[in-house]
Amino acid sequence: MAHSGINTFTTYLEEKHRWETQKQSPVAGGTAFSILAAVAESGGRSSLTEAQSASGMSFTNFADAIKRLQDMGYITIEGVPGSEAVQLTQLGSDVASLTRNPAWRHGRCD
C-alpha cells in the first residue's frame, strides 16, 4: 500500500519521533512542529522572521520546514517579499493543538 505522507496521523507520529530524537541534541534546533506551535501561540499568524526566531532553526532548515508545512496544507504564506506572514490553515491549527495535548505528547491516546 502506498503511503502518501500527506495529512496522515502516521506523518504526525513520524515528525513527533523525529522531534523527540532531535530535542535530545542541544545543537538540533527546532522542527516543523516547533514552527506550528510558535505560530499557534501567536494567534495563528506570525511574520516569517518571528516564526524562524521562535523555532530555533537555521535559515536553511527553517526554509525546508516551511516548504514541507505548505505542501502538507498546514500553513499558507501571505504578503509581499520581505514582509511575509505565516498563517495556520484549519488543518495546521488542528495539528498544533494535538502537539500541545499532553496525552498525545506522551504516546497515550485515551
Protein backbone atom coordinates (compact mmCIF):
# COMPACT_ATOMS: atom_id res chain seq x y z
CA MET A 1 0.00 0.00 0.00
CA ALA A 2 1.43 3.39 -0.98
CA HIS A 3 1.95 5.97 1.73
CA SER A 4 1.16 9.49 0.57
CA GLY A 5 2.68 11.19 3.63
CA ILE A 6 0.18 13.99 3.37
CA ASN A 7 -2.37 14.74 6.09
CA THR A 8 -1.95 11.45 7.89
CA PHE A 9 -1.58 10.58 11.53
CA THR A 10 1.44 8.49 10.55
CA THR A 11 3.12 11.69 9.32
CA TYR A 12 2.37 13.29 12.67
CA LEU A 13 3.92 10.34 14.51
CA GLU A 14 7.00 10.35 12.27
CA GLU A 15 7.55 14.07 12.85
CA LYS A 16 6.93 13.65 16.58
CA HIS A 17 9.53 10.88 16.72
CA ARG A 18 11.99 13.00 14.76
CA TRP A 19 11.34 15.92 17.09
CA GLU A 20 11.88 13.75 20.18
CA THR A 21 15.15 12.48 18.71
CA GLN A 22 16.34 15.97 17.78
CA LYS A 23 15.43 17.59 21.07
CA GLN A 24 17.94 15.32 22.81
CA SER A 25 20.72 17.03 20.86
CA PRO A 26 21.49 20.57 22.04
CA VAL A 27 22.52 21.71 18.55
CA ALA A 28 19.48 20.33 16.69
CA GLY A 29 17.30 23.45 16.81
CA GLY A 30 13.59 23.22 16.19
CA THR A 31 11.33 21.24 13.92
CA ALA A 32 8.35 21.84 11.69
CA PHE A 33 6.20 21.21 14.78
CA SER A 34 8.00 23.97 16.64
CA ILE A 35 7.01 26.34 13.84
CA LEU A 36 3.37 25.25 14.09
CA ALA A 37 3.46 25.66 17.86
CA ALA A 38 5.05 29.11 17.66
CA VAL A 39 2.53 30.36 15.10
CA ALA A 40 -0.36 28.87 17.10
CA GLU A 41 0.85 30.62 20.24
CA SER A 42 0.87 33.93 18.38
CA GLY A 43 -2.80 33.59 17.45
CA GLY A 44 -2.43 31.59 14.23
CA ARG A 45 -0.45 34.23 12.32
CA SER A 46 3.17 35.34 12.61
CA SER A 47 5.80 37.05 10.49
CA LEU A 48 8.32 34.69 8.92
CA THR A 49 11.08 36.41 10.89
CA GLU A 50 9.30 35.89 14.22
CA ALA A 51 8.45 32.28 13.34
CA GLN A 52 12.08 31.50 12.46
CA SER A 53 13.35 33.13 15.63
CA ALA A 54 10.85 31.21 17.76
CA SER A 55 11.66 27.92 16.02
CA GLY A 56 15.38 27.99 16.84
CA MET A 57 16.15 26.68 13.36
CA SER A 58 18.85 27.72 10.90
CA PHE A 59 17.63 29.59 7.82
CA THR A 60 18.05 26.53 5.58
CA ASN A 61 16.26 24.13 7.95
CA PHE A 62 13.52 26.71 8.53
CA ALA A 63 13.00 27.19 4.77
CA ASP A 64 12.79 23.41 4.25
CA ALA A 65 10.31 23.05 7.11
CA ILE A 66 8.16 25.94 5.83
CA LYS A 67 8.05 24.35 2.37
CA ARG A 68 7.03 20.99 3.88
CA LEU A 69 4.33 22.62 6.02
CA GLN A 70 2.96 24.45 2.97
CA ASP A 71 3.00 21.30 0.84
CA MET A 72 1.13 19.41 3.56
CA GLY A 73 -1.52 22.13 3.81
CA TYR A 74 -0.70 23.17 7.39
CA ILE A 75 0.21 26.79 6.59
CA THR A 76 -0.05 29.48 3.95
CA ILE A 77 2.41 32.29 3.34
CA GLU A 78 0.90 35.70 2.69
CA GLY A 79 2.31 39.14 1.99
CA VAL A 80 4.94 40.79 -0.14
CA PRO A 81 8.57 39.63 -0.14
CA GLY A 82 10.31 40.87 2.98
CA SER A 83 7.02 41.17 4.87
CA GLU A 84 5.60 37.66 4.53
CA ALA A 85 3.49 36.16 7.28
CA VAL A 86 2.80 32.53 8.15
CA GLN A 87 -0.90 31.75 8.58
CA LEU A 88 -2.11 28.44 10.00
CA THR A 89 -4.77 26.66 8.00
CA GLN A 90 -7.53 24.85 9.88
CA LEU A 91 -5.56 21.62 9.45
CA GLY A 92 -2.40 23.30 10.78
CA SER A 93 -4.32 24.62 13.75
CA ASP A 94 -5.69 21.15 14.46
CA VAL A 95 -2.20 19.58 14.31
CA ALA A 96 -0.75 22.34 16.52
CA SER A 97 -3.44 21.65 19.10
CA LEU A 98 -2.53 17.94 19.03
CA THR A 99 1.10 18.77 19.75
CA ARG A 100 0.01 20.69 22.86
CA ASN A 101 -2.14 17.83 24.17
CA PRO A 102 -0.19 16.06 26.96
CA ALA A 103 -1.76 12.68 26.18
CA TRP A 104 -0.51 12.76 22.57
CA ARG A 105 2.94 14.03 23.58
CA HIS A 106 3.36 11.02 25.86
CA GLY A 107 2.04 8.50 23.33
CA ARG A 108 -1.33 7.95 25.05
CA CYS A 109 -4.49 8.13 23.03
CA ASP A 110 -7.03 7.81 25.86
